[in-house]
Amino acid sequence: MAGLLDGEARMANRLVGLGIQRLRIDGHNFTAHTFHHSELTSSLNPVTQGIRQRGKIPGEAVYQVNRLVATYLHLYFPSSPEGTASLFIE
């Protein structure tokens, strides 16, 4: 990774994350999806997690350090225009 967050990413031999999730961040609800072949281990505590539409395993973690927000989730910005603006405007 770029070294911006504490942690280590490793490539897996298979697809690790796939599917639609919901995410609530800073009081805004987003629709998002994930698709990745890597796994992240970090000592950071997530500020929130996605909620999977199917299955019982926890959704993708969202980490924040100062103004940096990082996650495997790809947010669908039109699902929350005000929430999207809040991510980019201080």
PDB file of N, CA and C in Angstrom:
ATOM      1  N   MET A   1       0.843  -1.177   0.000  1.00  0.00           N
ATOM      2  CA  MET A   1       0.000   0.000   0.000  1.00  0.00           C
ATOM      3  C   MET A   1       0.887   1.238   0.000  1.00  0.00           C
ATOM      4  N   ALA A   2       0.317   2.376   0.170  1.00  0.00           N
ATOM      5  CA  ALA A   2       1.066   3.635   0.079  1.00  0.00           C
ATOM      6  C   ALA A   2       1.709   4.050   1.399  1.00  0.00           C
ATOM      7  N   GLY A   3       1.441   3.329   2.478  1.00  0.00           N
ATOM      8  CA  GLY A   3       2.022   3.671   3.762  1.00  0.00           C
ATOM      9  C   GLY A   3       1.312   4.798   4.487  1.00  0.00           C
ATOM     10  N   LEU A   4       0.095   5.134   4.055  1.00  0.00           N
ATOM     11  CA  LEU A   4      -0.646   6.214   4.694  1.00  0.00           C
ATOM     12  C   LEU A   4      -1.351   5.771   5.968  1.00  0.00           C
ATOM     13  N   LEU A   5      -1.619   4.473   6.092  1.00  0.00           N
ATOM     14  CA  LEU A   5      -2.279   3.919   7.276  1.00  0.00           C
ATOM     15  C   LEU A   5      -1.411   2.810   7.846  1.00  0.00           C
ATOM     16  N   ASP A   6      -1.546   2.584   9.139  1.00  0.00           N
ATOM     17  CA  ASP A   6      -0.856   1.470   9.761  1.00  0.00           C
ATOM     18  C   ASP A   6      -1.519   0.176   9.306  1.00  0.00           C
ATOM     19  N   GLY A   7      -0.751  -0.733   8.764  1.00  0.00           N
ATOM     20  CA  GLY A   7      -1.314  -2.017   8.354  1.00  0.00           C
ATOM     21  C   GLY A   7      -0.523  -2.643   7.236  1.00  0.00           C
ATOM     22  N   GLU A   8      -0.990  -3.815   6.836  1.00  0.00           N
ATOM     23  CA  GLU A   8      -0.336  -4.560   5.778  1.00  0.00           C
ATOM     24  C   GLU A   8      -1.389  -5.208   4.897  1.00  0.00           C
ATOM     25  N   ALA A   9      -1.224  -5.068   3.605  1.00  0.00           N
ATOM     26  CA  ALA A   9      -2.135  -5.706   2.647  1.00  0.00           C
ATOM     27  C   ALA A   9      -1.412  -6.853   1.969  1.00  0.00           C
ATOM     28  N   ARG A  10      -2.115  -7.944   1.782  1.00  0.00           N
ATOM     29  CA  ARG A  10      -1.557  -9.117   1.109  1.00  0.00           C
ATOM     30  C   ARG A  10      -2.556  -9.624   0.084  1.00  0.00           C
ATOM     31  N   MET A  11      -2.009 -10.062  -1.047  1.00  0.00           N
ATOM     32  CA  MET A  11      -2.853 -10.647  -2.080  1.00  0.00           C
ATOM     33  C   MET A  11      -3.266 -12.049  -1.653  1.00  0.00           C
ATOM     34  N   ALA A  12      -4.512 -12.392  -1.910  1.00  0.00           N
ATOM     35  CA  ALA A  12      -5.040 -13.720  -1.600  1.00  0.00           C
ATOM     36  C   ALA A  12      -5.083 -14.544  -2.882  1.00  0.00           C
ATOM     37  N   ASN A  13      -5.262 -15.831  -2.732  1.00  0.00           N
ATOM     38  CA  ASN A  13      -5.348 -16.724  -3.889  1.00  0.00           C
ATOM     39  C   ASN A  13      -6.739 -16.751  -4.505  1.00  0.00           C
ATOM     40  N   ARG A  14      -7.663 -16.058  -3.881  1.00  0.00           N
ATOM     41  CA  ARG A  14      -9.047 -16.071  -4.357  1.00  0.00           C
ATOM     42  C   ARG A  14      -9.683 -14.709  -4.105  1.00  0.00           C
ATOM     43  N   LEU A  15     -10.877 -14.533  -4.632  1.00  0.00           N
ATOM     44  CA  LEU A  15     -11.641 -13.325  -4.388  1.00  0.00           C
ATOM     45  C   LEU A  15     -12.015 -13.259  -2.909  1.00  0.00           C
ATOM     46  N   VAL A  16     -11.707 -12.153  -2.254  1.00  0.00           N
ATOM     47  CA  VAL A  16     -11.945 -12.015  -0.817  1.00  0.00           C
ATOM     48  C   VAL A  16     -13.216 -11.215  -0.540  1.00  0.00           C
ATOM     49  N   GLY A  17     -13.455 -10.182  -1.314  1.00  0.00           N
ATOM     50  CA  GLY A  17     -14.621  -9.335  -1.085  1.00  0.00           C
ATOM     51  C   GLY A  17     -15.394  -9.109  -2.360  1.00  0.00           C
ATOM     52  N   LEU A  18     -16.695  -9.335  -2.301  1.00  0.00           N
ATOM     53  CA  LEU A  18     -17.554  -9.134  -3.461  1.00  0.00           C
ATOM     54  C   LEU A  18     -18.965  -8.866  -2.982  1.00  0.00           C
ATOM     55  N   GLY A  19     -19.591  -7.845  -3.522  1.00  0.00           N
ATOM     56  CA  GLY A  19     -20.999  -7.639  -3.247  1.00  0.00           C
ATOM     57  C   GLY A  19     -21.377  -6.217  -2.881  1.00  0.00           C
ATOM     58  N   ILE A  20     -22.680  -6.018  -2.819  1.00  0.00           N
ATOM     59  CA  ILE A  20     -23.270  -4.729  -2.467  1.00  0.00           C
ATOM     60  C   ILE A  20     -23.337  -4.619  -0.947  1.00  0.00           C
ATOM     61  N   GLN A  21     -23.040  -3.420  -0.444  1.00  0.00           N
ATOM     62  CA  GLN A  21     -23.149  -3.154   0.989  1.00  0.00           C
ATOM     63  C   GLN A  21     -23.759  -1.777   1.185  1.00  0.00           C
ATOM     64  N   ARG A  22     -24.277  -1.574   2.359  1.00  0.00           N
ATOM     65  CA  ARG A  22     -24.739  -0.250   2.770  1.00  0.00           C
ATOM     66  C   ARG A  22     -23.714   0.292   3.752  1.00  0.00           C
ATOM     67  N   LEU A  23     -23.583   1.605   3.793  1.00  0.00           N
ATOM     68  CA  LEU A  23     -22.615   2.220   4.676  1.00  0.00           C
ATOM     69  C   LEU A  23     -23.187   3.507   5.241  1.00  0.00           C
ATOM     70  N   ARG A  24     -23.037   3.683   6.533  1.00  0.00           N
ATOM     71  CA  ARG A  24     -23.413   4.945   7.169  1.00  0.00           C
ATOM     72  C   ARG A  24     -22.132   5.577   7.697  1.00  0.00           C
ATOM     73  N   ILE A  25     -21.835   6.766   7.188  1.00  0.00           N
ATOM     74  CA  ILE A  25     -20.644   7.479   7.627  1.00  0.00           C
ATOM     75  C   ILE A  25     -20.958   8.962   7.776  1.00  0.00           C
ATOM     76  N   ASP A  26     -20.556   9.510   8.896  1.00  0.00           N
ATOM     77  CA  ASP A  26     -20.821  10.914   9.220  1.00  0.00           C
ATOM     78  C   ASP A  26     -22.299  11.265   9.075  1.00  0.00           C
ATOM     79  N   GLY A  27     -23.171  10.344   9.458  1.00  0.00           N
ATOM     80  CA  GLY A  27     -24.605  10.592   9.430  1.00  0.00           C
ATOM     81  C   GLY A  27     -25.256  10.457   8.070  1.00  0.00           C
ATOM     82  N   HIS A  28     -24.531   9.976   7.093  1.00  0.00           N
ATOM     83  CA  HIS A  28     -25.065   9.833   5.737  1.00  0.00           C
ATOM     84  C   HIS A  28     -25.056   8.367   5.321  1.00  0.00           C
ATOM     85  N   ASN A  29     -26.118   7.949   4.617  1.00  0.00           N
ATOM     86  CA  ASN A  29     -26.250   6.571   4.143  1.00  0.00           C
ATOM     87  C   ASN A  29     -25.810   6.469   2.689  1.00  0.00           C
ATOM     88  N   PHE A  30     -24.927   5.522   2.412  1.00  0.00           N
ATOM     89  CA  PHE A  30     -24.428   5.283   1.061  1.00  0.00           C
ATOM     90  C   PHE A  30     -24.746   3.854   0.643  1.00  0.00           C
ATOM     91  N   THR A  31     -24.862   3.665  -0.659  1.00  0.00           N
ATOM     92  CA  THR A  31     -24.823   2.340  -1.253  1.00  0.00           C
ATOM     93  C   THR A  31     -23.408   2.180  -1.796  1.00  0.00           C
ATOM     94  N   ALA A  32     -22.852   0.976  -1.647  1.00  0.00           N
ATOM     95  CA  ALA A  32     -21.475   0.744  -2.080  1.00  0.00           C
ATOM     96  C   ALA A  32     -21.325  -0.696  -2.548  1.00  0.00           C
ATOM     97  N   HIS A  33     -20.209  -0.979  -3.188  1.00  0.00           N
ATOM     98  CA  HIS A  33     -19.895  -2.365  -3.544  1.00  0.00           C
ATOM     99  C   HIS A  33     -18.414  -2.611  -3.296  1.00  0.00           C
ATOM    100  N   THR A  34     -18.060  -3.870  -3.242  1.00  0.00           N
ATOM    101  CA  THR A  34     -16.675  -4.253  -3.031  1.00  0.00           C
ATOM    102  C   THR A  34     -16.309  -5.391  -3.969  1.00  0.00           C
ATOM    103  N   PHE A  35     -15.061  -5.382  -4.405  1.00  0.00           N
ATOM    104  CA  PHE A  35     -14.527  -6.425  -5.283  1.00  0.00           C
ATOM    105  C   PHE A  35     -13.018  -6.377  -5.124  1.00  0.00           C
ATOM    106  N   HIS A  36     -12.441  -7.343  -4.403  1.00  0.00           N
ATOM    107  CA  HIS A  36     -10.993  -7.315  -4.218  1.00  0.00           C
ATOM    108  C   HIS A  36     -10.427  -8.694  -3.917  1.00  0.00           C
ATOM    109  N   HIS A  37      -9.131  -8.816  -4.203  1.00  0.00           N
ATOM    110  CA  HIS A  37      -8.392 -10.065  -4.002  1.00  0.00           C
ATOM    111  C   HIS A  37      -7.329  -9.928  -2.915  1.00  0.00           C
ATOM    112  N   SER A  38      -7.332  -8.838  -2.163  1.00  0.00           N
ATOM    113  CA  SER A  38      -6.336  -8.642  -1.113  1.00  0.00           C
ATOM    114  C   SER A  38      -7.014  -8.577   0.251  1.00  0.00           C
ATOM    115  N   GLU A  39      -6.186  -8.789   1.278  1.00  0.00           N
ATOM    116  CA  GLU A  39      -6.672  -8.743   2.661  1.00  0.00           C
ATOM    117  C   GLU A  39      -5.827  -7.734   3.424  1.00  0.00           C
ATOM    118  N   LEU A  40      -6.456  -6.985   4.307  1.00  0.00           N
ATOM    119  CA  LEU A  40      -5.773  -5.972   5.091  1.00  0.00           C
ATOM    120  C   LEU A  40      -5.779  -6.360   6.558  1.00  0.00           C
ATOM    121  N   THR A  41      -4.627  -6.269   7.187  1.00  0.00           N
ATOM    122  CA  THR A  41      -4.547  -6.385   8.639  1.00  0.00           C
ATOM    123  C   THR A  41      -4.024  -5.052   9.145  1.00  0.00           C
ATOM    124  N   SER A  42      -4.666  -4.536  10.182  1.00  0.00           N
ATOM    125  CA  SER A  42      -4.296  -3.230  10.713  1.00  0.00           C
ATOM    126  C   SER A  42      -4.566  -3.186  12.205  1.00  0.00           C
ATOM    127  N   SER A  43      -3.759  -2.413  12.906  1.00  0.00           N
ATOM    128  CA  SER A  43      -4.002  -2.201  14.333  1.00  0.00           C
ATOM    129  C   SER A  43      -5.024  -1.093  14.565  1.00  0.00           C
ATOM    130  N   LEU A  44      -5.419  -0.404  13.497  1.00  0.00           N
ATOM    131  CA  LEU A  44      -6.411   0.667  13.615  1.00  0.00           C
ATOM    132  C   LEU A  44      -7.793   0.081  13.891  1.00  0.00           C
ATOM    133  N   ASN A  45      -8.590   0.814  14.633  1.00  0.00           N
ATOM    134  CA  ASN A  45      -9.986   0.437  14.845  1.00  0.00           C
ATOM    135  C   ASN A  45     -10.836   1.106  13.770  1.00  0.00           C
ATOM    136  N   PRO A  46     -11.725   0.366  13.123  1.00  0.00           N
ATOM    137  CA  PRO A  46     -12.587   0.986  12.117  1.00  0.00           C
ATOM    138  C   PRO A  46     -13.522   2.012  12.759  1.00  0.00           C
ATOM    139  N   VAL A  47     -13.809   3.086  12.028  1.00  0.00           N
ATOM    140  CA  VAL A  47     -14.773   4.075  12.508  1.00  0.00           C
ATOM    141  C   VAL A  47     -16.193   3.601  12.238  1.00  0.00           C
ATOM    142  N   THR A  48     -16.352   2.734  11.242  1.00  0.00           N
ATOM    143  CA  THR A  48     -17.644   2.133  10.925  1.00  0.00           C
ATOM    144  C   THR A  48     -17.376   0.940  10.005  1.00  0.00           C
ATOM    145  N   GLN A  49     -18.430   0.200   9.703  1.00  0.00           N
ATOM    146  CA  GLN A  49     -18.317  -0.939   8.786  1.00  0.00           C
ATOM    147  C   GLN A  49     -19.518  -0.969   7.877  1.00  0.00           C
ATOM    148  N   GLY A  50     -19.303  -1.498   6.686  1.00  0.00           N
ATOM    149  CA  GLY A  50     -20.401  -1.702   5.767  1.00  0.00           C
ATOM    150  C   GLY A  50     -21.318  -2.803   6.288  1.00  0.00           C
ATOM    151  N   ILE A  51     -22.530  -2.819   5.768  1.00  0.00           N
ATOM    152  CA  ILE A  51     -23.511  -3.856   6.107  1.00  0.00           C
ATOM    153  C   ILE A  51     -23.815  -4.615   4.828  1.00  0.00           C
ATOM    154  N   ARG A  52     -23.483  -5.895   4.841  1.00  0.00           N
ATOM    155  CA  ARG A  52     -23.695  -6.726   3.650  1.00  0.00           C
ATOM    156  C   ARG A  52     -25.186  -6.998   3.441  1.00  0.00           C
ATOM    157  N   GLN A  53     -25.597  -7.093   2.171  1.00  0.00           N
ATOM    158  CA  GLN A  53     -26.974  -7.449   1.849  1.00  0.00           C
ATOM    159  C   GLN A  53     -27.230  -8.917   2.112  1.00  0.00           C
ATOM    160  N   ARG A  54     -26.190  -9.738   1.951  1.00  0.00           N
ATOM    161  CA  ARG A  54     -26.340 -11.181   2.148  1.00  0.00           C
ATOM    162  C   ARG A  54     -25.212 -11.677   3.039  1.00  0.00           C
ATOM    163  N   GLY A  55     -25.482 -12.748   3.729  1.00  0.00           N
ATOM    164  CA  GLY A  55     -24.457 -13.350   4.560  1.00  0.00           C
ATOM    165  C   GLY A  55     -24.407 -12.747   5.955  1.00  0.00           C
ATOM    166  N   LYS A  56     -23.689 -13.384   6.809  1.00  0.00           N
ATOM    167  CA  LYS A  56     -23.634 -12.954   8.193  1.00  0.00           C
ATOM    168  C   LYS A  56     -22.277 -12.385   8.591  1.00  0.00           C
ATOM    169  N   ILE A  57     -21.307 -12.425   7.675  1.00  0.00           N
ATOM    170  CA  ILE A  57     -20.000 -11.899   8.048  1.00  0.00           C
ATOM    171  C   ILE A  57     -20.027 -10.370   8.014  1.00  0.00           C
ATOM    172  N   PRO A  58     -19.201  -9.722   8.836  1.00  0.00           N
ATOM    173  CA  PRO A  58     -19.202  -8.252   8.879  1.00  0.00           C
ATOM    174  C   PRO A  58     -18.843  -7.656   7.524  1.00  0.00           C
ATOM    175  N   GLY A  59     -19.330  -6.462   7.295  1.00  0.00           N
ATOM    176  CA  GLY A  59     -19.008  -5.745   6.068  1.00  0.00           C
ATOM    177  C   GLY A  59     -17.600  -5.181   6.112  1.00  0.00           C
ATOM    178  N   GLU A  60     -17.238  -4.493   5.045  1.00  0.00           N
ATOM    179  CA  GLU A  60     -15.906  -3.914   4.936  1.00  0.00           C
ATOM    180  C   GLU A  60     -15.696  -2.813   5.973  1.00  0.00           C
ATOM    181  N   ALA A  61     -14.521  -2.780   6.541  1.00  0.00           N
ATOM    182  CA  ALA A  61     -14.157  -1.762   7.525  1.00  0.00           C
ATOM    183  C   ALA A  61     -13.879  -0.425   6.837  1.00  0.00           C
ATOM    184  N   VAL A  62     -14.123   0.644   7.587  1.00  0.00           N
ATOM    185  CA  VAL A  62     -13.780   1.995   7.139  1.00  0.00           C
ATOM    186  C   VAL A  62     -12.847   2.584   8.193  1.00  0.00           C
ATOM    187  N   TYR A  63     -11.682   3.041   7.760  1.00  0.00           N
ATOM    188  CA  TYR A  63     -10.691   3.606   8.667  1.00  0.00           C
ATOM    189  C   TYR A  63     -10.575   5.098   8.415  1.00  0.00           C
ATOM    190  N   GLN A  64     -10.277   5.847   9.472  1.00  0.00           N
ATOM    191  CA  GLN A  64     -10.068   7.283   9.314  1.00  0.00           C
ATOM    192  C   GLN A  64      -8.904   7.720  10.184  1.00  0.00           C
ATOM    193  N   VAL A  65      -7.987   8.456   9.570  1.00  0.00           N
ATOM    194  CA  VAL A  65      -6.877   9.087  10.273  1.00  0.00           C
ATOM    195  C   VAL A  65      -6.869  10.540   9.813  1.00  0.00           C
ATOM    196  N   ASN A  66      -7.202  11.435  10.716  1.00  0.00           N
ATOM    197  CA  ASN A  66      -7.368  12.859  10.384  1.00  0.00           C
ATOM    198  C   ASN A  66      -8.422  12.975   9.282  1.00  0.00           C
ATOM    199  N   ARG A  67      -8.094  13.578   8.141  1.00  0.00           N
ATOM    200  CA  ARG A  67      -9.073  13.730   7.054  1.00  0.00           C
ATOM    201  C   ARG A  67      -9.046  12.574   6.054  1.00  0.00           C
ATOM    202  N   LEU A  68      -8.129  11.638   6.220  1.00  0.00           N
ATOM    203  CA  LEU A  68      -8.037  10.485   5.320  1.00  0.00           C
ATOM    204  C   LEU A  68      -9.067   9.434   5.713  1.00  0.00           C
ATOM    205  N   VAL A  69      -9.928   9.064   4.786  1.00  0.00           N
ATOM    206  CA  VAL A  69     -10.914   7.996   4.987  1.00  0.00           C
ATOM    207  C   VAL A  69     -10.564   6.902   3.985  1.00  0.00           C
ATOM    208  N   ALA A  70     -10.403   5.660   4.487  1.00  0.00           N
ATOM    209  CA  ALA A  70      -9.959   4.573   3.617  1.00  0.00           C
ATOM    210  C   ALA A  70     -10.806   3.331   3.831  1.00  0.00           C
ATOM    211  N   THR A  71     -11.167   2.666   2.747  1.00  0.00           N
ATOM    212  CA  THR A  71     -11.973   1.452   2.786  1.00  0.00           C
ATOM    213  C   THR A  71     -11.840   0.721   1.450  1.00  0.00           C
ATOM    214  N   TYR A  72     -12.167  -0.551   1.463  1.00  0.00           N
ATOM    215  CA  TYR A  72     -12.257  -1.296   0.208  1.00  0.00           C
ATOM    216  C   TYR A  72     -13.559  -0.967  -0.532  1.00  0.00           C
ATOM    217  N   LEU A  73     -14.510  -0.368   0.143  1.00  0.00           N
ATOM    218  CA  LEU A  73     -15.801  -0.086  -0.481  1.00  0.00           C
ATOM    219  C   LEU A  73     -15.679   0.986  -1.558  1.00  0.00           C
ATOM    220  N   HIS A  74     -16.387   0.769  -2.651  1.00  0.00           N
ATOM    221  CA  HIS A  74     -16.516   1.769  -3.708  1.00  0.00           C
ATOM    222  C   HIS A  74     -17.889   2.399  -3.515  1.00  0.00           C
ATOM    223  N   LEU A  75     -17.904   3.639  -3.079  1.00  0.00           N
ATOM    224  CA  LEU A  75     -19.172   4.309  -2.805  1.00  0.00           C
ATOM    225  C   LEU A  75     -19.857   4.717  -4.100  1.00  0.00           C
ATOM    226  N   TYR A  76     -21.179   4.564  -4.116  1.00  0.00           N
ATOM    227  CA  TYR A  76     -21.993   5.039  -5.233  1.00  0.00           C
ATOM    228  C   TYR A  76     -22.437   6.444  -4.844  1.00  0.00           C
ATOM    229  N   PHE A  77     -21.697   7.452  -5.308  1.00  0.00           N
ATOM    230  CA  PHE A  77     -21.913   8.824  -4.865  1.00  0.00           C
ATOM    231  C   PHE A  77     -23.345   9.333  -5.048  1.00  0.00           C
ATOM    232  N   PRO A  78     -24.056   9.005  -6.163  1.00  0.00           N
ATOM    233  CA  PRO A  78     -25.432   9.488  -6.285  1.00  0.00           C
ATOM    234  C   PRO A  78     -26.375   8.959  -5.194  1.00  0.00           C
ATOM    235  N   SER A  79     -25.967   7.917  -4.458  1.00  0.00           N
ATOM    236  CA  SER A  79     -26.829   7.409  -3.389  1.00  0.00           C
ATOM    237  C   SER A  79     -26.892   8.368  -2.209  1.00  0.00           C
ATOM    238  N   SER A  80     -25.949   9.309  -2.131  1.00  0.00           N
ATOM    239  CA  SER A  80     -25.950  10.290  -1.049  1.00  0.00           C
ATOM    240  C   SER A  80     -25.165  11.532  -1.475  1.00  0.00           C
ATOM    241  N   PRO A  81     -25.795  12.422  -2.254  1.00  0.00           N
ATOM    242  CA  PRO A  81     -25.082  13.618  -2.717  1.00  0.00           C
ATOM    243  C   PRO A  81     -24.545  14.477  -1.565  1.00  0.00           C
ATOM    244  N   GLU A  82     -25.343  14.669  -0.530  1.00  0.00           N
ATOM    245  CA  GLU A  82     -24.879  15.474   0.605  1.00  0.00           C
ATOM    246  C   GLU A  82     -23.734  14.775   1.330  1.00  0.00           C
ATOM    247  N   GLY A  83     -23.845  13.461   1.490  1.00  0.00           N
ATOM    248  CA  GLY A  83     -22.778  12.689   2.119  1.00  0.00           C
ATOM    249  C   GLY A  83     -21.496  12.751   1.311  1.00  0.00           C
ATOM    250  N   THR A  84     -21.623  12.685  -0.011  1.00  0.00           N
ATOM    251  CA  THR A  84     -20.465  12.774  -0.882  1.00  0.00           C
ATOM    252  C   THR A  84     -19.774  14.122  -0.699  1.00  0.00           C
ATOM    253  N   ALA A  85     -20.553  15.191  -0.699  1.00  0.00           N
ATOM    254  CA  ALA A  85     -19.976  16.525  -0.503  1.00  0.00           C
ATOM    255  C   ALA A  85     -19.251  16.615   0.830  1.00  0.00           C
ATOM    256  N   SER A  86     -19.806  15.984   1.869  1.00  0.00           N
ATOM    257  CA  SER A  86     -19.183  16.064   3.197  1.00  0.00           C
ATOM    258  C   SER A  86     -17.827  15.361   3.237  1.00  0.00           C
ATOM    259  N   LEU A  87     -17.608  14.398   2.335  1.00  0.00           N
ATOM    260  CA  LEU A  87     -16.325  13.714   2.288  1.00  0.00           C
ATOM    261  C   LEU A  87     -15.221  14.596   1.704  1.00  0.00           C
ATOM    262  N   PHE A  88     -15.608  15.558   0.871  1.00  0.00           N
ATOM    263  CA  PHE A  88     -14.628  16.375   0.158  1.00  0.00           C
ATOM    264  C   PHE A  88     -14.548  17.817   0.632  1.00  0.00           C
ATOM    265  N   ILE A  89     -15.581  18.279   1.331  1.00  0.00           N
ATOM    266  CA  ILE A  89     -15.617  19.688   1.776  1.00  0.00           C
ATOM    267  C   ILE A  89     -15.550  19.698   3.295  1.00  0.00           C
ATOM    268  N   GLU A  90     -14.643  20.491   3.799  1.00  0.00           N
ATOM    269  CA  GLU A  90     -14.492  20.550   5.257  1.00  0.00           C
ATOM    270  C   GLU A  90     -15.376  21.600   5.855  1.00  0.00           C
TER     271      GLU A  90
END
